N, C-alpha and C. Protein backbone atom coordinates (compact mmCIF):
# COMPACT_ATOMS: atom_id res chain seq x y z
N MET A 1 134.94 68.05 78.07
CA MET A 1 134.23 69.12 77.94
C MET A 1 133.01 69.23 79.10
N GLU A 2 132.71 70.12 79.84
CA GLU A 2 131.71 70.35 80.81
C GLU A 2 130.27 70.10 80.32
N ASP A 3 129.32 69.22 80.55
CA ASP A 3 128.06 69.11 79.95
C ASP A 3 127.20 69.91 80.87
N ARG A 4 126.46 70.81 80.49
CA ARG A 4 125.58 71.75 81.41
C ARG A 4 124.16 71.32 81.10
N SER A 5 123.68 69.91 81.05
CA SER A 5 122.42 69.53 80.77
C SER A 5 121.66 69.50 82.10
N HIS A 6 122.45 69.53 83.13
CA HIS A 6 121.79 69.34 84.46
C HIS A 6 121.31 70.65 85.16
N PHE A 7 121.41 71.76 84.62
CA PHE A 7 120.95 73.03 84.81
C PHE A 7 119.56 73.12 84.63
N GLY A 8 118.75 72.47 84.02
CA GLY A 8 117.15 72.20 83.86
C GLY A 8 116.57 71.49 84.89
N ASP A 9 117.32 70.70 85.87
CA ASP A 9 116.81 69.99 86.64
C ASP A 9 116.06 70.63 87.76
N GLN A 10 114.78 70.17 88.02
CA GLN A 10 114.03 70.55 89.26
C GLN A 10 113.92 69.72 90.49
N THR A 11 114.77 69.82 91.11
CA THR A 11 114.79 68.82 92.50
C THR A 11 113.74 69.55 93.66
N PRO A 12 113.30 68.80 94.30
CA PRO A 12 112.47 69.41 95.45
C PRO A 12 113.08 70.53 96.07
N GLU A 13 114.21 70.50 96.40
CA GLU A 13 114.62 71.65 97.31
C GLU A 13 114.73 72.95 96.35
N ILE A 14 115.19 72.83 94.92
CA ILE A 14 114.74 74.15 94.04
C ILE A 14 113.51 74.27 94.14
N VAL A 15 112.58 73.62 93.95
CA VAL A 15 111.24 74.01 93.73
C VAL A 15 110.67 74.69 94.95
N ALA A 16 111.03 74.11 96.22
CA ALA A 16 110.71 74.87 97.34
C ALA A 16 111.25 76.08 97.56
N HIS A 17 112.55 76.29 97.01
CA HIS A 17 113.25 77.44 97.26
C HIS A 17 112.27 78.60 96.22
N GLU A 18 112.08 78.17 95.10
CA GLU A 18 111.56 79.10 94.13
C GLU A 18 110.06 79.52 94.76
N ARG A 19 109.31 78.71 95.05
CA ARG A 19 108.08 79.00 95.77
C ARG A 19 108.22 79.87 97.15
N THR A 20 109.07 79.60 97.95
CA THR A 20 109.49 80.54 99.00
C THR A 20 109.80 81.96 98.50
N TYR A 21 110.75 82.10 97.55
CA TYR A 21 111.18 83.42 96.91
C TYR A 21 109.95 83.89 96.06
N HIS A 22 109.28 83.05 95.56
CA HIS A 22 107.59 83.92 94.77
C HIS A 22 106.91 84.37 95.85
N ALA A 23 106.55 83.86 97.01
CA ALA A 23 105.74 84.21 98.14
C ALA A 23 106.43 85.56 98.87
N PHE A 24 107.64 85.34 98.66
CA PHE A 24 108.46 86.46 99.54
C PHE A 24 108.13 87.78 98.59
N SER A 25 108.48 87.62 97.20
CA SER A 25 108.29 88.63 96.39
C SER A 25 106.93 89.15 96.32
N ILE A 26 105.83 88.39 96.47
CA ILE A 26 104.46 88.90 96.45
C ILE A 26 104.37 89.71 97.68
N LEU A 27 104.72 89.06 98.97
CA LEU A 27 104.61 89.76 100.06
C LEU A 27 105.29 91.21 100.13
N VAL A 28 106.32 91.26 99.51
CA VAL A 28 107.13 92.47 99.42
C VAL A 28 106.42 93.52 98.51
N ARG A 29 105.91 93.04 97.59
CA ARG A 29 104.92 94.01 96.59
C ARG A 29 103.91 94.40 97.32
N TRP A 30 103.19 93.44 98.08
CA TRP A 30 102.10 94.16 98.74
C TRP A 30 102.19 94.90 99.62
N SER A 31 103.32 94.80 100.41
CA SER A 31 103.92 95.72 101.31
C SER A 31 104.14 97.28 100.85
N MET A 32 104.85 97.24 99.75
CA MET A 32 105.23 98.46 98.93
C MET A 32 104.00 99.09 98.40
N LEU A 33 103.08 98.39 97.97
CA LEU A 33 102.05 98.94 97.49
C LEU A 33 100.92 99.58 98.92
N VAL A 34 100.81 98.79 99.79
CA VAL A 34 99.94 99.54 100.80
C VAL A 34 100.83 100.70 101.59
N ILE A 35 102.12 100.33 101.81
CA ILE A 35 102.82 101.61 102.80
C ILE A 35 102.70 102.72 101.79
N GLY A 36 102.99 102.68 100.46
CA GLY A 36 103.31 103.99 99.58
C GLY A 36 101.59 104.22 99.43
N ASN A 37 100.73 103.73 99.10
CA ASN A 37 99.43 104.27 99.18
C ASN A 37 98.87 104.86 100.31
N GLY A 38 99.28 104.37 101.56
CA GLY A 38 99.16 104.94 102.64
C GLY A 38 99.76 106.22 102.80
N ILE A 39 101.00 106.39 102.54
CA ILE A 39 101.57 107.84 102.61
C ILE A 39 100.82 108.53 101.75
N PHE A 40 100.70 108.19 100.30
CA PHE A 40 99.77 109.25 99.60
C PHE A 40 98.70 109.43 99.98
N TRP A 41 97.97 108.58 100.46
CA TRP A 41 96.52 109.23 100.82
C TRP A 41 96.63 110.11 102.11
N LEU A 42 97.67 110.04 103.20
CA LEU A 42 97.67 110.74 104.22
C LEU A 42 98.39 112.13 103.62
N THR A 43 99.16 112.00 102.69
CA THR A 43 99.72 113.48 102.14
C THR A 43 98.48 114.21 101.65
N LEU A 44 97.93 113.48 100.64
CA LEU A 44 96.61 114.27 100.12
C LEU A 44 95.72 114.76 101.02
N TRP A 45 95.38 113.92 102.23
CA TRP A 45 94.33 114.48 103.06
C TRP A 45 94.91 115.63 103.86
N PHE A 46 96.18 115.42 104.65
CA PHE A 46 96.33 116.61 105.31
C PHE A 46 97.32 117.62 104.85
N ALA A 47 97.90 117.53 103.80
CA ALA A 47 98.96 118.52 103.09
C ALA A 47 98.40 119.01 101.77
N SER A 48 97.05 118.75 101.41
CA SER A 48 96.73 119.44 100.36
C SER A 48 95.32 119.79 100.24
N PRO A 49 94.91 120.74 99.54
CA PRO A 49 93.37 120.97 99.59
C PRO A 49 92.22 119.97 99.12
N ALA A 50 92.85 118.80 98.76
CA ALA A 50 92.10 117.76 98.40
C ALA A 50 90.69 117.15 99.27
N GLY A 51 91.35 117.34 100.57
CA GLY A 51 90.42 116.78 101.77
C GLY A 51 90.40 115.25 101.77
N PHE A 52 89.43 114.76 102.70
CA PHE A 52 89.35 113.45 102.62
C PHE A 52 88.70 112.76 101.45
N LEU A 53 87.62 113.20 101.11
CA LEU A 53 87.01 112.60 100.03
C LEU A 53 87.86 112.64 98.72
N GLY A 54 88.59 113.87 98.20
CA GLY A 54 89.51 113.67 97.11
C GLY A 54 90.77 112.70 97.41
N ALA A 55 91.19 112.86 98.87
CA ALA A 55 92.57 111.86 98.91
C ALA A 55 91.89 110.35 98.77
N THR A 56 90.85 110.13 99.15
CA THR A 56 90.38 108.80 99.23
C THR A 56 89.90 108.31 97.82
N ALA A 57 89.47 109.16 96.92
CA ALA A 57 89.20 108.77 95.65
C ALA A 57 90.64 108.64 94.86
N ALA A 58 91.61 109.35 94.99
CA ALA A 58 93.04 109.41 94.38
C ALA A 58 93.55 108.21 95.07
N ALA A 59 93.43 108.00 96.20
CA ALA A 59 94.26 106.72 96.66
C ALA A 59 93.70 105.50 96.24
N ILE A 60 92.44 105.37 96.09
CA ILE A 60 91.81 103.90 95.59
C ILE A 60 92.24 103.76 94.06
N ALA A 61 92.38 105.12 93.41
CA ALA A 61 92.63 104.94 92.10
C ALA A 61 94.09 104.55 91.88
N THR A 62 94.91 105.00 92.69
CA THR A 62 96.36 104.67 92.53
C THR A 62 96.52 103.03 93.16
N PHE A 63 95.79 102.75 94.27
CA PHE A 63 95.98 101.52 94.69
C PHE A 63 95.24 100.37 93.47
N VAL A 64 94.40 100.89 92.88
CA VAL A 64 93.95 99.80 91.75
C VAL A 64 95.19 99.78 90.63
N LEU A 65 95.56 100.64 90.21
CA LEU A 65 96.95 100.86 89.36
C LEU A 65 97.79 100.26 89.93
N GLY A 66 98.34 100.40 90.93
CA GLY A 66 99.38 99.62 91.59
C GLY A 66 99.45 98.15 91.68
N TYR A 67 97.98 97.84 92.04
CA TYR A 67 97.59 96.34 92.10
C TYR A 67 97.95 95.65 90.70
N VAL A 68 97.35 96.26 89.51
CA VAL A 68 97.49 95.84 88.37
C VAL A 68 98.92 95.74 87.97
N VAL A 69 99.77 96.67 88.19
CA VAL A 69 101.10 96.75 87.73
C VAL A 69 101.99 95.98 88.60
N LEU A 70 101.93 96.14 89.98
CA LEU A 70 102.85 95.35 90.78
C LEU A 70 102.46 93.77 90.99
N VAL A 71 101.30 93.74 91.60
CA VAL A 71 100.91 92.45 92.23
C VAL A 71 100.51 91.44 91.10
N ARG A 72 99.51 91.87 90.52
CA ARG A 72 98.70 91.03 89.49
C ARG A 72 99.45 90.23 88.56
N HIS A 73 100.53 91.19 88.02
CA HIS A 73 101.47 90.73 86.91
C HIS A 73 102.40 89.60 87.54
N GLU A 74 102.82 89.86 88.55
CA GLU A 74 103.82 88.99 89.20
C GLU A 74 103.24 87.53 89.61
N GLU A 75 101.76 87.73 90.23
CA GLU A 75 101.07 86.35 90.44
C GLU A 75 101.06 85.36 89.37
N LYS A 76 100.94 86.17 88.27
CA LYS A 76 100.62 85.16 86.93
C LYS A 76 101.98 84.55 86.49
N GLN A 77 103.14 84.91 87.05
CA GLN A 77 104.30 84.37 86.61
C GLN A 77 104.35 82.86 86.87
N PRO A 78 104.88 81.89 85.84
CA PRO A 78 105.01 80.67 86.33
C PRO A 78 106.21 80.42 87.24
N LEU A 79 106.22 79.41 88.18
CA LEU A 79 107.25 79.38 89.05
C LEU A 79 108.49 78.55 88.39
N ASN A 80 108.27 77.78 87.31
CA ASN A 80 109.30 77.10 86.55
C ASN A 80 110.33 78.40 85.83
N LEU A 81 111.36 78.55 86.28
CA LEU A 81 112.21 79.72 85.59
C LEU A 81 112.69 79.54 84.46
N TRP A 82 112.41 78.32 83.68
CA TRP A 82 112.99 78.01 82.54
C TRP A 82 111.84 77.94 81.23
N VAL A 83 110.82 78.50 81.79
CA VAL A 83 109.43 78.39 80.73
C VAL A 83 109.78 79.64 79.80
N GLU A 84 109.55 79.76 78.80
CA GLU A 84 109.73 80.65 78.07
C GLU A 84 108.63 81.85 78.03
N GLY A 85 108.89 82.97 78.06
CA GLY A 85 107.99 84.18 78.38
C GLY A 85 108.11 84.52 80.02
N ARG A 86 109.04 83.89 80.65
CA ARG A 86 109.14 84.33 82.12
C ARG A 86 110.09 85.65 82.05
């Protein structure tokens, strides 16, 4: 019978791959947040009666909310995929 105990091994190549993927994931999340928030801000500024100040206030609020939900949550995740709670 096949022994699956080797699946928990953390070789240097696997750790490097996990760190690269983690960095790429954070980059994608920041990009989604900045691009989406920029589109939201420009839409409110030019295509609604909110004006510059209203659009800026709404964009700041959505940026903070997006940061908490998208970026901050992922940065606190452990790199070890086998840790409980991941």
